[in-house]
Amino acid sequence: MDAANADGPDALPAPLRALAARGQPRRYGKGTLLIQEGDLGDTLFIIVSGRVKAFSSGERDREIVYGVYGPGEYFGEMSMDGGPRSASVITLEPTLGVAITRPTLLAHIAANPEFAFELIARVIRRARLATQSARSMALLDVYGRVVHLLDEMSLPQADGTRLIAERLTHAEIANRVGCSREMVSRLMKDLERGGYVRRDGAGWVLAGQLPARW
């Protein structure tokens, strides 16, 4: 892997560059299952380019999506205690990553103790997001969960709108909020008819604040 390449380790955030230099670069095609929920593993993966999805599958192939991660993020840290994987991870597009084994991670922390705080902070952030997700599932109706997701993923634009640039299908929204695709399709079509959201290529534009109730 060429370090001078814009998609190489030099493009990673500073705390990850030295760690990535210790690992094994790997390229994966779209749809590659990197981690299977329940398996034992001791490898952490750093994403250099591409995107992956962390999820669990249930009966009738229903999914719940925990997150979509891109360049500069990493996953697999939850199994570094020797326990089973807590979720499956699959690539959403061709992905360049770096695999870091547990012994390699421990050696890096021994040489760079400050990275332990980065790792702890990442685990805390993931735990906080899981708590927020559980709270939303318990306390919000489906519409409330959809609005929460759209608000969380959108970025303010100069014209006062908000943009979700990444591809987000009705099925993906349903997987993330824990409901049927048909329910999401009805809600999104209603919001489109009301002028609150509109398609922008593969993404979405939110025209101001979404209604609190529908």
N, C-alpha and C. Protein backbone atom coordinates (compact mmCIF):
# COMPACT_ATOMS: atom_id res chain seq x y z
N MET A 1 0.86 -1.20 0.00
CA MET A 1 0.00 0.00 0.00
C MET A 1 0.89 1.24 0.00
N ASP A 2 0.64 2.12 -0.92
CA ASP A 2 1.47 3.31 -1.10
C ASP A 2 1.10 4.36 -0.07
N ALA A 3 2.03 4.69 0.81
CA ALA A 3 1.76 5.67 1.86
C ALA A 3 1.49 7.04 1.29
N ALA A 4 1.94 7.29 0.08
CA ALA A 4 1.72 8.60 -0.52
C ALA A 4 0.34 8.71 -1.15
N ASN A 5 -0.34 7.55 -1.29
CA ASN A 5 -1.67 7.55 -1.89
C ASN A 5 -2.64 8.27 -0.99
N ALA A 6 -3.56 9.03 -1.61
CA ALA A 6 -4.53 9.79 -0.81
C ALA A 6 -5.42 8.87 0.00
N ASP A 7 -5.56 7.61 -0.46
CA ASP A 7 -6.37 6.65 0.27
C ASP A 7 -5.54 5.81 1.23
N GLY A 8 -4.26 6.15 1.39
CA GLY A 8 -3.38 5.36 2.23
C GLY A 8 -3.43 5.81 3.68
N PRO A 9 -2.59 5.19 4.52
CA PRO A 9 -2.59 5.51 5.95
C PRO A 9 -2.30 6.97 6.28
N ASP A 10 -1.58 7.69 5.39
CA ASP A 10 -1.28 9.09 5.67
C ASP A 10 -2.55 9.93 5.75
N ALA A 11 -3.66 9.43 5.17
CA ALA A 11 -4.92 10.16 5.22
C ALA A 11 -5.68 9.92 6.52
N LEU A 12 -5.21 8.99 7.34
CA LEU A 12 -5.89 8.68 8.59
C LEU A 12 -5.65 9.75 9.64
N PRO A 13 -6.56 9.87 10.62
CA PRO A 13 -6.31 10.78 11.75
C PRO A 13 -5.01 10.39 12.46
N ALA A 14 -4.34 11.39 13.04
CA ALA A 14 -3.03 11.18 13.65
C ALA A 14 -2.97 10.01 14.63
N PRO A 15 -3.97 9.83 15.54
CA PRO A 15 -3.86 8.72 16.50
C PRO A 15 -3.83 7.34 15.86
N LEU A 16 -4.34 7.23 14.62
CA LEU A 16 -4.41 5.92 13.98
C LEU A 16 -3.26 5.62 13.03
N ARG A 17 -2.52 6.66 12.62
CA ARG A 17 -1.48 6.45 11.62
C ARG A 17 -0.39 5.50 12.10
N ALA A 18 0.10 5.72 13.31
CA ALA A 18 1.18 4.87 13.82
C ALA A 18 0.69 3.44 14.04
N LEU A 19 -0.55 3.31 14.51
CA LEU A 19 -1.11 1.97 14.70
C LEU A 19 -1.27 1.25 13.36
N ALA A 20 -1.78 1.95 12.35
CA ALA A 20 -1.97 1.35 11.04
C ALA A 20 -0.66 0.86 10.44
N ALA A 21 0.42 1.58 10.73
CA ALA A 21 1.73 1.19 10.20
C ALA A 21 2.18 -0.16 10.74
N ARG A 22 1.61 -0.60 11.87
CA ARG A 22 1.98 -1.89 12.46
C ARG A 22 1.14 -3.05 11.89
N GLY A 23 0.04 -2.73 11.19
CA GLY A 23 -0.90 -3.75 10.78
C GLY A 23 -0.70 -4.27 9.36
N GLN A 24 -1.65 -5.10 8.93
CA GLN A 24 -1.61 -5.71 7.61
C GLN A 24 -2.69 -5.08 6.71
N PRO A 25 -2.28 -4.37 5.64
CA PRO A 25 -3.27 -3.80 4.72
C PRO A 25 -4.05 -4.90 4.02
N ARG A 26 -5.35 -4.70 3.87
CA ARG A 26 -6.20 -5.68 3.20
C ARG A 26 -7.25 -4.96 2.37
N ARG A 27 -7.52 -5.51 1.18
CA ARG A 27 -8.56 -4.97 0.31
C ARG A 27 -9.72 -5.96 0.25
N TYR A 28 -10.94 -5.42 0.30
CA TYR A 28 -12.12 -6.26 0.29
C TYR A 28 -13.09 -5.75 -0.77
N GLY A 29 -13.76 -6.67 -1.44
CA GLY A 29 -14.79 -6.29 -2.38
C GLY A 29 -16.09 -5.96 -1.67
N LYS A 30 -17.02 -5.36 -2.41
CA LYS A 30 -18.34 -5.05 -1.86
C LYS A 30 -19.04 -6.34 -1.45
N GLY A 31 -19.71 -6.30 -0.30
CA GLY A 31 -20.46 -7.46 0.17
C GLY A 31 -19.63 -8.51 0.87
N THR A 32 -18.41 -8.16 1.29
CA THR A 32 -17.56 -9.11 2.00
C THR A 32 -17.90 -9.09 3.49
N LEU A 33 -18.20 -10.25 4.06
CA LEU A 33 -18.48 -10.35 5.49
C LEU A 33 -17.16 -10.39 6.25
N LEU A 34 -16.86 -9.32 6.96
CA LEU A 34 -15.59 -9.21 7.68
C LEU A 34 -15.66 -9.84 9.06
N ILE A 35 -16.80 -9.72 9.70
CA ILE A 35 -16.99 -10.25 11.05
C ILE A 35 -18.35 -10.92 11.12
N GLN A 36 -18.40 -12.10 11.72
CA GLN A 36 -19.67 -12.80 11.95
C GLN A 36 -20.02 -12.74 13.43
N GLU A 37 -21.21 -12.23 13.72
CA GLU A 37 -21.65 -12.13 15.10
C GLU A 37 -21.57 -13.49 15.80
N GLY A 38 -21.03 -13.50 17.02
CA GLY A 38 -20.92 -14.73 17.80
C GLY A 38 -19.59 -15.44 17.66
N ASP A 39 -18.84 -15.14 16.57
CA ASP A 39 -17.53 -15.76 16.40
C ASP A 39 -16.53 -15.19 17.39
N LEU A 40 -15.50 -15.95 17.68
CA LEU A 40 -14.41 -15.44 18.49
C LEU A 40 -13.39 -14.79 17.57
N GLY A 41 -12.81 -13.69 18.01
CA GLY A 41 -11.82 -13.00 17.19
C GLY A 41 -11.03 -12.02 18.02
N ASP A 42 -9.82 -11.72 17.56
CA ASP A 42 -8.97 -10.78 18.29
C ASP A 42 -8.35 -9.77 17.34
N THR A 43 -9.11 -9.41 16.30
CA THR A 43 -8.59 -8.48 15.31
C THR A 43 -9.44 -7.22 15.25
N LEU A 44 -8.78 -6.09 15.26
CA LEU A 44 -9.40 -4.78 15.09
C LEU A 44 -9.13 -4.34 13.66
N PHE A 45 -10.10 -3.72 13.01
CA PHE A 45 -9.95 -3.27 11.63
C PHE A 45 -10.03 -1.74 11.56
N ILE A 46 -9.05 -1.13 10.91
CA ILE A 46 -9.07 0.31 10.64
C ILE A 46 -9.50 0.50 9.19
N ILE A 47 -10.47 1.40 8.96
CA ILE A 47 -10.95 1.67 7.60
C ILE A 47 -10.13 2.80 7.01
N VAL A 48 -9.48 2.53 5.89
CA VAL A 48 -8.71 3.56 5.18
C VAL A 48 -9.58 4.21 4.11
N SER A 49 -10.32 3.39 3.37
CA SER A 49 -11.28 3.90 2.39
C SER A 49 -12.43 2.90 2.26
N GLY A 50 -13.59 3.39 1.82
CA GLY A 50 -14.76 2.53 1.72
C GLY A 50 -15.67 2.68 2.92
N ARG A 51 -16.72 1.84 2.98
CA ARG A 51 -17.68 1.89 4.09
C ARG A 51 -18.08 0.47 4.48
N VAL A 52 -18.37 0.30 5.76
CA VAL A 52 -18.85 -0.99 6.27
C VAL A 52 -20.09 -0.77 7.12
N LYS A 53 -20.86 -1.82 7.30
CA LYS A 53 -22.07 -1.77 8.11
C LYS A 53 -21.98 -2.80 9.22
N ALA A 54 -22.26 -2.36 10.46
CA ALA A 54 -22.34 -3.27 11.61
C ALA A 54 -23.81 -3.57 11.87
N PHE A 55 -24.16 -4.86 12.00
CA PHE A 55 -25.57 -5.22 12.09
C PHE A 55 -25.75 -6.56 12.78
N SER A 56 -27.00 -6.86 13.13
CA SER A 56 -27.41 -8.18 13.60
C SER A 56 -28.59 -8.64 12.76
N SER A 57 -28.69 -9.94 12.53
CA SER A 57 -29.79 -10.52 11.76
C SER A 57 -30.67 -11.34 12.67
N GLY A 58 -31.98 -11.32 12.38
CA GLY A 58 -32.92 -12.11 13.15
C GLY A 58 -33.71 -13.03 12.25
N GLU A 59 -34.87 -13.44 12.73
CA GLU A 59 -35.73 -14.30 11.95
C GLU A 59 -36.22 -13.59 10.69
N ARG A 60 -36.47 -14.37 9.63
CA ARG A 60 -36.95 -13.85 8.35
C ARG A 60 -36.01 -12.81 7.76
N ASP A 61 -34.72 -12.95 8.09
CA ASP A 61 -33.68 -12.05 7.55
C ASP A 61 -33.89 -10.60 7.94
N ARG A 62 -34.62 -10.33 9.02
CA ARG A 62 -34.75 -8.96 9.52
C ARG A 62 -33.41 -8.52 10.10
N GLU A 63 -33.08 -7.26 9.88
CA GLU A 63 -31.81 -6.71 10.36
C GLU A 63 -32.04 -5.54 11.29
N ILE A 64 -31.10 -5.35 12.19
CA ILE A 64 -30.99 -4.09 12.93
C ILE A 64 -29.58 -3.59 12.69
N VAL A 65 -29.46 -2.37 12.22
CA VAL A 65 -28.16 -1.79 11.89
C VAL A 65 -27.68 -0.92 13.04
N TYR A 66 -26.48 -1.19 13.52
CA TYR A 66 -25.92 -0.43 14.63
C TYR A 66 -25.16 0.79 14.15
N GLY A 67 -24.63 0.74 12.94
CA GLY A 67 -23.89 1.89 12.44
C GLY A 67 -23.25 1.60 11.10
N VAL A 68 -22.96 2.66 10.37
CA VAL A 68 -22.20 2.59 9.12
C VAL A 68 -20.93 3.40 9.33
N TYR A 69 -19.79 2.79 9.04
CA TYR A 69 -18.50 3.41 9.36
C TYR A 69 -17.67 3.59 8.10
N GLY A 70 -16.91 4.69 8.07
CA GLY A 70 -16.12 5.01 6.90
C GLY A 70 -14.68 5.31 7.25
N PRO A 71 -13.96 5.97 6.33
CA PRO A 71 -12.52 6.22 6.51
C PRO A 71 -12.20 6.92 7.83
N GLY A 72 -11.15 6.44 8.48
CA GLY A 72 -10.72 7.03 9.74
C GLY A 72 -11.40 6.44 10.95
N GLU A 73 -12.30 5.48 10.74
CA GLU A 73 -12.96 4.81 11.86
C GLU A 73 -12.45 3.38 11.96
N TYR A 74 -12.72 2.75 13.09
CA TYR A 74 -12.31 1.35 13.25
C TYR A 74 -13.39 0.59 14.00
N PHE A 75 -13.32 -0.73 13.88
CA PHE A 75 -14.31 -1.59 14.52
C PHE A 75 -13.65 -2.90 14.92
N GLY A 76 -14.33 -3.64 15.79
CA GLY A 76 -13.78 -4.90 16.27
C GLY A 76 -13.16 -4.80 17.65
N GLU A 77 -13.13 -3.56 18.20
CA GLU A 77 -12.47 -3.37 19.50
C GLU A 77 -13.23 -4.04 20.64
N MET A 78 -14.55 -4.28 20.45
CA MET A 78 -15.35 -4.85 21.52
C MET A 78 -14.98 -6.29 21.84
N SER A 79 -14.31 -6.97 20.91
CA SER A 79 -13.95 -8.37 21.16
C SER A 79 -12.50 -8.51 21.63
N MET A 80 -11.83 -7.41 21.88
CA MET A 80 -10.44 -7.48 22.31
C MET A 80 -10.28 -8.07 23.71
N ASP A 81 -11.42 -8.28 24.40
CA ASP A 81 -11.35 -8.92 25.72
C ASP A 81 -11.40 -10.44 25.61
N GLY A 82 -11.42 -10.95 24.36
CA GLY A 82 -11.45 -12.39 24.16
C GLY A 82 -12.85 -12.95 24.04
N GLY A 83 -13.89 -12.11 24.18
CA GLY A 83 -15.27 -12.57 24.08
C GLY A 83 -15.72 -12.67 22.64
N PRO A 84 -16.94 -13.17 22.41
CA PRO A 84 -17.46 -13.30 21.05
C PRO A 84 -17.78 -11.95 20.43
N ARG A 85 -17.81 -11.93 19.12
CA ARG A 85 -18.16 -10.71 18.39
C ARG A 85 -19.61 -10.33 18.72
N SER A 86 -19.85 -9.06 18.95
CA SER A 86 -21.18 -8.60 19.35
C SER A 86 -22.06 -8.22 18.16
N ALA A 87 -21.48 -8.17 16.95
CA ALA A 87 -22.25 -7.82 15.75
C ALA A 87 -21.51 -8.34 14.53
N SER A 88 -22.24 -8.46 13.43
CA SER A 88 -21.62 -8.78 12.15
C SER A 88 -21.23 -7.48 11.45
N VAL A 89 -20.22 -7.56 10.58
CA VAL A 89 -19.78 -6.38 9.82
C VAL A 89 -19.57 -6.80 8.38
N ILE A 90 -20.18 -6.04 7.45
CA ILE A 90 -20.06 -6.33 6.02
C ILE A 90 -19.68 -5.06 5.28
N THR A 91 -18.94 -5.20 4.19
CA THR A 91 -18.56 -4.03 3.39
C THR A 91 -19.73 -3.59 2.52
N LEU A 92 -19.94 -2.29 2.41
CA LEU A 92 -20.99 -1.73 1.56
C LEU A 92 -20.46 -1.33 0.20
N GLU A 93 -19.14 -1.28 0.07
CA GLU A 93 -18.48 -0.91 -1.18
C GLU A 93 -17.04 -1.42 -1.08
N PRO A 94 -16.29 -1.42 -2.19
CA PRO A 94 -14.89 -1.84 -2.09
C PRO A 94 -14.19 -1.06 -0.98
N THR A 95 -13.48 -1.77 -0.14
CA THR A 95 -12.95 -1.18 1.09
C THR A 95 -11.49 -1.55 1.28
N LEU A 96 -10.69 -0.56 1.63
CA LEU A 96 -9.29 -0.77 2.01
C LEU A 96 -9.19 -0.63 3.52
N GLY A 97 -8.67 -1.64 4.18
CA GLY A 97 -8.55 -1.61 5.62
C GLY A 97 -7.19 -2.09 6.09
N VAL A 98 -6.98 -1.97 7.38
CA VAL A 98 -5.75 -2.47 8.02
C VAL A 98 -6.17 -3.34 9.19
N ALA A 99 -5.70 -4.58 9.22
CA ALA A 99 -6.03 -5.51 10.29
C ALA A 99 -4.98 -5.43 11.39
N ILE A 100 -5.46 -5.26 12.63
CA ILE A 100 -4.57 -5.15 13.79
C ILE A 100 -4.92 -6.27 14.77
N THR A 101 -3.98 -7.16 15.05
CA THR A 101 -4.24 -8.24 16.00
C THR A 101 -4.10 -7.72 17.43
N ARG A 102 -4.63 -8.49 18.37
CA ARG A 102 -4.57 -8.09 19.78
C ARG A 102 -3.12 -7.90 20.26
N PRO A 103 -2.19 -8.84 19.97
CA PRO A 103 -0.80 -8.60 20.38
C PRO A 103 -0.21 -7.33 19.80
N THR A 104 -0.56 -7.03 18.54
CA THR A 104 -0.06 -5.80 17.90
C THR A 104 -0.62 -4.57 18.61
N LEU A 105 -1.92 -4.61 18.94
CA LEU A 105 -2.54 -3.49 19.63
C LEU A 105 -1.90 -3.28 21.00
N LEU A 106 -1.67 -4.37 21.74
CA LEU A 106 -1.05 -4.25 23.06
C LEU A 106 0.36 -3.68 22.97
N ALA A 107 1.10 -4.10 21.95
CA ALA A 107 2.45 -3.56 21.76
C ALA A 107 2.40 -2.07 21.45
N HIS A 108 1.41 -1.66 20.65
CA HIS A 108 1.27 -0.25 20.31
C HIS A 108 0.91 0.58 21.55
N ILE A 109 0.02 0.05 22.39
CA ILE A 109 -0.36 0.78 23.60
C ILE A 109 0.82 0.88 24.56
N ALA A 110 1.61 -0.19 24.63
CA ALA A 110 2.79 -0.14 25.50
C ALA A 110 3.77 0.95 25.05
N ALA A 111 3.89 1.13 23.73
CA ALA A 111 4.80 2.16 23.20
C ALA A 111 4.15 3.54 23.16
N ASN A 112 2.81 3.56 23.10
CA ASN A 112 2.07 4.83 23.01
C ASN A 112 0.89 4.78 23.98
N PRO A 113 1.15 4.93 25.29
CA PRO A 113 0.09 4.76 26.30
C PRO A 113 -1.11 5.67 26.08
N GLU A 114 -0.91 6.83 25.45
CA GLU A 114 -2.02 7.75 25.24
C GLU A 114 -3.10 7.15 24.33
N PHE A 115 -2.71 6.16 23.51
CA PHE A 115 -3.71 5.56 22.62
C PHE A 115 -4.76 4.78 23.42
N ALA A 116 -4.41 4.34 24.62
CA ALA A 116 -5.40 3.64 25.45
C ALA A 116 -6.59 4.55 25.74
N PHE A 117 -6.33 5.86 25.91
CA PHE A 117 -7.42 6.80 26.17
C PHE A 117 -8.29 6.98 24.93
N GLU A 118 -7.67 6.98 23.74
CA GLU A 118 -8.43 7.04 22.48
C GLU A 118 -9.34 5.81 22.37
N LEU A 119 -8.80 4.65 22.71
CA LEU A 119 -9.58 3.41 22.61
C LEU A 119 -10.74 3.43 23.61
N ILE A 120 -10.46 3.86 24.84
CA ILE A 120 -11.51 3.93 25.86
C ILE A 120 -12.59 4.91 25.45
N ALA A 121 -12.18 6.07 24.92
CA ALA A 121 -13.15 7.08 24.49
C ALA A 121 -14.04 6.54 23.37
N ARG A 122 -13.45 5.76 22.45
CA ARG A 122 -14.23 5.19 21.35
C ARG A 122 -15.25 4.18 21.89
N VAL A 123 -14.85 3.34 22.82
CA VAL A 123 -15.77 2.37 23.40
C VAL A 123 -16.90 3.08 24.14
N ILE A 124 -16.57 4.16 24.86
CA ILE A 124 -17.60 4.92 25.57
C ILE A 124 -18.58 5.55 24.60
N ARG A 125 -18.08 6.12 23.49
CA ARG A 125 -18.97 6.72 22.49
C ARG A 125 -19.90 5.68 21.90
N ARG A 126 -19.36 4.51 21.59
CA ARG A 126 -20.20 3.45 21.03
C ARG A 126 -21.25 3.00 22.05
N ALA A 127 -20.86 2.89 23.32
CA ALA A 127 -21.81 2.49 24.36
C ALA A 127 -22.89 3.56 24.53
N ARG A 128 -22.50 4.83 24.45
CA ARG A 128 -23.48 5.92 24.57
C ARG A 128 -24.48 5.89 23.42
N LEU A 129 -23.98 5.63 22.20
CA LEU A 129 -24.87 5.55 21.05
C LEU A 129 -25.83 4.37 21.19
N ALA A 130 -25.31 3.24 21.72
CA ALA A 130 -26.18 2.08 21.93
C ALA A 130 -27.27 2.40 22.94
N THR A 131 -26.92 3.15 23.98
CA THR A 131 -27.90 3.55 24.99
C THR A 131 -28.96 4.46 24.37
N GLN A 132 -28.52 5.42 23.56
CA GLN A 132 -29.46 6.32 22.90
C GLN A 132 -30.39 5.57 21.96
N SER A 133 -29.82 4.57 21.25
CA SER A 133 -30.63 3.77 20.34
C SER A 133 -31.68 2.98 21.11
N ALA A 134 -31.28 2.36 22.22
CA ALA A 134 -32.23 1.60 23.03
C ALA A 134 -33.32 2.52 23.59
N ARG A 135 -32.94 3.73 23.99
CA ARG A 135 -33.90 4.69 24.51
C ARG A 135 -34.92 5.07 23.42
N SER A 136 -34.41 5.31 22.20
CA SER A 136 -35.30 5.67 21.10
C SER A 136 -36.28 4.55 20.80
N MET A 137 -35.77 3.31 20.79
CA MET A 137 -36.64 2.16 20.52
C MET A 137 -37.75 2.05 21.55
N ALA A 138 -37.41 2.35 22.80
CA ALA A 138 -38.37 2.16 23.89
C ALA A 138 -39.36 3.33 24.01
N LEU A 139 -38.90 4.55 23.74
CA LEU A 139 -39.70 5.73 24.06
C LEU A 139 -40.29 6.45 22.86
N LEU A 140 -39.75 6.23 21.66
CA LEU A 140 -40.24 6.93 20.48
C LEU A 140 -41.05 6.00 19.58
N ASP A 141 -42.07 6.56 18.92
CA ASP A 141 -42.77 5.77 17.91
C ASP A 141 -41.92 5.72 16.64
N VAL A 142 -42.42 5.01 15.63
CA VAL A 142 -41.63 4.82 14.41
C VAL A 142 -41.30 6.16 13.76
N TYR A 143 -42.28 7.05 13.66
CA TYR A 143 -42.00 8.35 13.05
C TYR A 143 -40.92 9.10 13.83
N GLY A 144 -40.99 9.08 15.15
CA GLY A 144 -39.99 9.75 15.97
C GLY A 144 -38.60 9.18 15.75
N ARG A 145 -38.52 7.85 15.58
CA ARG A 145 -37.22 7.23 15.35
C ARG A 145 -36.66 7.60 13.97
N VAL A 146 -37.55 7.69 12.97
CA VAL A 146 -37.11 8.10 11.63
C VAL A 146 -36.58 9.53 11.66
N VAL A 147 -37.31 10.43 12.30
CA VAL A 147 -36.88 11.83 12.40
C VAL A 147 -35.54 11.93 13.13
N HIS A 148 -35.41 11.18 14.21
CA HIS A 148 -34.15 11.20 14.98
C HIS A 148 -32.99 10.77 14.09
N LEU A 149 -33.18 9.72 13.28
CA LEU A 149 -32.11 9.24 12.39
C LEU A 149 -31.78 10.29 11.33
N LEU A 150 -32.80 10.87 10.70
CA LEU A 150 -32.55 11.87 9.66
C LEU A 150 -31.85 13.10 10.23
N ASP A 151 -32.26 13.53 11.40
CA ASP A 151 -31.61 14.68 12.05
C ASP A 151 -30.15 14.36 12.35
N GLU A 152 -29.90 13.14 12.81
CA GLU A 152 -28.54 12.73 13.20
C GLU A 152 -27.61 12.66 12.01
N MET A 153 -28.13 12.25 10.85
CA MET A 153 -27.29 12.03 9.68
C MET A 153 -27.13 13.27 8.80
N SER A 154 -27.97 14.28 8.98
CA SER A 154 -27.96 15.44 8.07
C SER A 154 -26.96 16.51 8.49
N LEU A 155 -26.47 17.23 7.49
CA LEU A 155 -25.53 18.33 7.72
C LEU A 155 -26.13 19.64 7.20
N PRO A 156 -26.03 20.74 8.00
CA PRO A 156 -26.59 22.03 7.57
C PRO A 156 -25.93 22.55 6.30
N GLN A 157 -26.74 23.17 5.44
CA GLN A 157 -26.24 23.77 4.20
C GLN A 157 -26.42 25.28 4.24
N ALA A 158 -25.72 25.97 3.34
CA ALA A 158 -25.74 27.43 3.33
C ALA A 158 -27.13 28.00 3.07
N ASP A 159 -27.97 27.26 2.35
CA ASP A 159 -29.31 27.76 2.02
C ASP A 159 -30.34 27.47 3.10
N GLY A 160 -29.91 26.94 4.24
CA GLY A 160 -30.83 26.67 5.33
C GLY A 160 -31.40 25.26 5.33
N THR A 161 -31.15 24.50 4.27
CA THR A 161 -31.58 23.11 4.24
C THR A 161 -30.54 22.24 4.95
N ARG A 162 -30.84 20.96 5.07
CA ARG A 162 -29.88 20.00 5.60
C ARG A 162 -29.74 18.85 4.61
N LEU A 163 -28.54 18.33 4.47
CA LEU A 163 -28.26 17.33 3.44
C LEU A 163 -27.78 16.02 4.06
N ILE A 164 -28.37 14.92 3.60
CA ILE A 164 -27.84 13.59 3.87
C ILE A 164 -27.22 13.13 2.56
N ALA A 165 -25.90 13.17 2.46
CA ALA A 165 -25.23 12.93 1.19
C ALA A 165 -25.12 11.45 0.87
N GLU A 166 -25.03 10.61 1.88
CA GLU A 166 -24.83 9.19 1.60
C GLU A 166 -26.11 8.52 1.13
N ARG A 167 -25.93 7.44 0.37
CA ARG A 167 -27.07 6.68 -0.13
C ARG A 167 -27.83 6.09 1.05
N LEU A 168 -29.14 6.36 1.10
CA LEU A 168 -29.95 5.90 2.23
C LEU A 168 -31.31 5.46 1.69
N THR A 169 -31.50 4.16 1.53
CA THR A 169 -32.75 3.64 1.00
C THR A 169 -33.78 3.49 2.11
N HIS A 170 -35.02 3.28 1.72
CA HIS A 170 -36.07 3.03 2.70
C HIS A 170 -35.76 1.79 3.53
N ALA A 171 -35.20 0.75 2.88
CA ALA A 171 -34.86 -0.48 3.59
C ALA A 171 -33.77 -0.22 4.63
N GLU A 172 -32.78 0.62 4.29
CA GLU A 172 -31.71 0.92 5.24
C GLU A 172 -32.24 1.72 6.42
N ILE A 173 -33.14 2.66 6.15
CA ILE A 173 -33.75 3.42 7.25
C ILE A 173 -34.51 2.47 8.17
N ALA A 174 -35.28 1.55 7.58
CA ALA A 174 -36.05 0.59 8.36
C ALA A 174 -35.15 -0.26 9.24
N ASN A 175 -34.02 -0.70 8.69
CA ASN A 175 -33.08 -1.52 9.47
C ASN A 175 -32.48 -0.75 10.63
N ARG A 176 -32.29 0.53 10.43
CA ARG A 176 -31.66 1.33 11.49
C ARG A 176 -32.63 1.71 12.60
N VAL A 177 -33.91 1.82 12.27
CA VAL A 177 -34.87 2.25 13.30
C VAL A 177 -35.73 1.10 13.82
N GLY A 178 -35.57 -0.09 13.23
CA GLY A 178 -36.27 -1.25 13.74
C GLY A 178 -37.75 -1.31 13.39
N CYS A 179 -38.07 -1.17 12.10
CA CYS A 179 -39.46 -1.28 11.67
C CYS A 179 -39.48 -1.85 10.26
N SER A 180 -40.65 -1.93 9.65
CA SER A 180 -40.76 -2.48 8.30
C SER A 180 -40.41 -1.43 7.24
N ARG A 181 -39.94 -1.92 6.09
CA ARG A 181 -39.63 -1.01 4.98
C ARG A 181 -40.91 -0.32 4.51
N GLU A 182 -42.03 -1.05 4.53
CA GLU A 182 -43.29 -0.47 4.08
C GLU A 182 -43.69 0.73 4.93
N MET A 183 -43.49 0.62 6.24
CA MET A 183 -43.81 1.74 7.12
C MET A 183 -42.95 2.96 6.80
N VAL A 184 -41.65 2.74 6.60
CA VAL A 184 -40.76 3.85 6.26
C VAL A 184 -41.15 4.46 4.93
N SER A 185 -41.50 3.62 3.93
CA SER A 185 -41.89 4.14 2.62
C SER A 185 -43.10 5.06 2.74
N ARG A 186 -44.09 4.66 3.55
CA ARG A 186 -45.28 5.50 3.72
C ARG A 186 -44.91 6.84 4.36
N LEU A 187 -44.08 6.79 5.40
CA LEU A 187 -43.71 8.02 6.10
C LEU A 187 -42.90 8.96 5.19
N MET A 188 -41.92 8.40 4.48
CA MET A 188 -41.08 9.24 3.62
C MET A 188 -41.88 9.84 2.46
N LYS A 189 -42.81 9.05 1.91
CA LYS A 189 -43.65 9.60 0.83
C LYS A 189 -44.54 10.73 1.35
N ASP A 190 -45.07 10.56 2.56
CA ASP A 190 -45.87 11.64 3.16
C ASP A 190 -45.02 12.89 3.37
N LEU A 191 -43.79 12.72 3.86
CA LEU A 191 -42.90 13.87 4.08
C LEU A 191 -42.52 14.53 2.75
N GLU A 192 -42.33 13.72 1.71
CA GLU A 192 -42.04 14.29 0.39
C GLU A 192 -43.23 15.10 -0.12
N ARG A 193 -44.42 14.54 0.01
CA ARG A 193 -45.63 15.26 -0.45
C ARG A 193 -45.82 16.55 0.32
N GLY A 194 -45.42 16.56 1.59
CA GLY A 194 -45.54 17.76 2.40
C GLY A 194 -44.44 18.78 2.17
N GLY A 195 -43.45 18.43 1.33
CA GLY A 195 -42.36 19.35 1.02
C GLY A 195 -41.27 19.40 2.08
N TYR A 196 -41.28 18.43 3.00
CA TYR A 196 -40.28 18.44 4.07
C TYR A 196 -38.96 17.78 3.66
N VAL A 197 -39.04 16.79 2.77
CA VAL A 197 -37.83 16.12 2.29
C VAL A 197 -37.93 15.94 0.79
N ARG A 198 -36.79 15.81 0.13
CA ARG A 198 -36.76 15.51 -1.29
C ARG A 198 -35.47 14.75 -1.61
N ARG A 199 -35.53 13.98 -2.65
CA ARG A 199 -34.37 13.23 -3.10
C ARG A 199 -33.31 14.18 -3.66
N ASP A 200 -32.05 13.83 -3.43
CA ASP A 200 -30.94 14.57 -4.03
C ASP A 200 -29.93 13.53 -4.50
N GLY A 201 -30.11 13.04 -5.73
CA GLY A 201 -29.29 11.93 -6.19
C GLY A 201 -29.60 10.70 -5.35
N ALA A 202 -28.57 10.15 -4.72
CA ALA A 202 -28.76 8.99 -3.85
C ALA A 202 -29.10 9.41 -2.42
N GLY A 203 -28.95 10.72 -2.11
CA GLY A 203 -29.17 11.19 -0.75
C GLY A 203 -30.51 11.89 -0.60
N TRP A 204 -30.60 12.69 0.47
CA TRP A 204 -31.85 13.39 0.79
C TRP A 204 -31.55 14.83 1.20
N VAL A 205 -32.48 15.73 0.86
CA VAL A 205 -32.43 17.11 1.35
C VAL A 205 -33.60 17.31 2.30
N LEU A 206 -33.32 17.85 3.48
CA LEU A 206 -34.36 18.16 4.47
C LEU A 206 -34.59 19.67 4.44
N ALA A 207 -35.81 20.06 4.12
CA ALA A 207 -36.14 21.48 4.00
C ALA A 207 -36.55 22.02 5.37
N GLY A 208 -35.57 22.33 6.19
CA GLY A 208 -35.86 22.87 7.52
C GLY A 208 -36.18 21.80 8.53
N GLN A 209 -36.83 22.22 9.60
CA GLN A 209 -37.16 21.34 10.71
C GLN A 209 -38.31 20.41 10.34
N LEU A 210 -38.16 19.14 10.63
CA LEU A 210 -39.24 18.18 10.38
C LEU A 210 -40.29 18.29 11.48
N PRO A 211 -41.54 18.01 11.15
CA PRO A 211 -42.60 18.09 12.18
C PRO A 211 -42.32 17.16 13.36
N ALA A 212 -42.64 17.59 14.55
CA ALA A 212 -42.42 16.76 15.73
C ALA A 212 -43.37 15.58 15.76
N ARG A 213 -44.54 15.71 15.17
CA ARG A 213 -45.54 14.64 15.15
C ARG A 213 -46.08 14.51 13.74
N TRP A 214 -46.56 13.31 13.39
CA TRP A 214 -47.11 13.10 12.05
C TRP A 214 -48.36 12.23 12.16
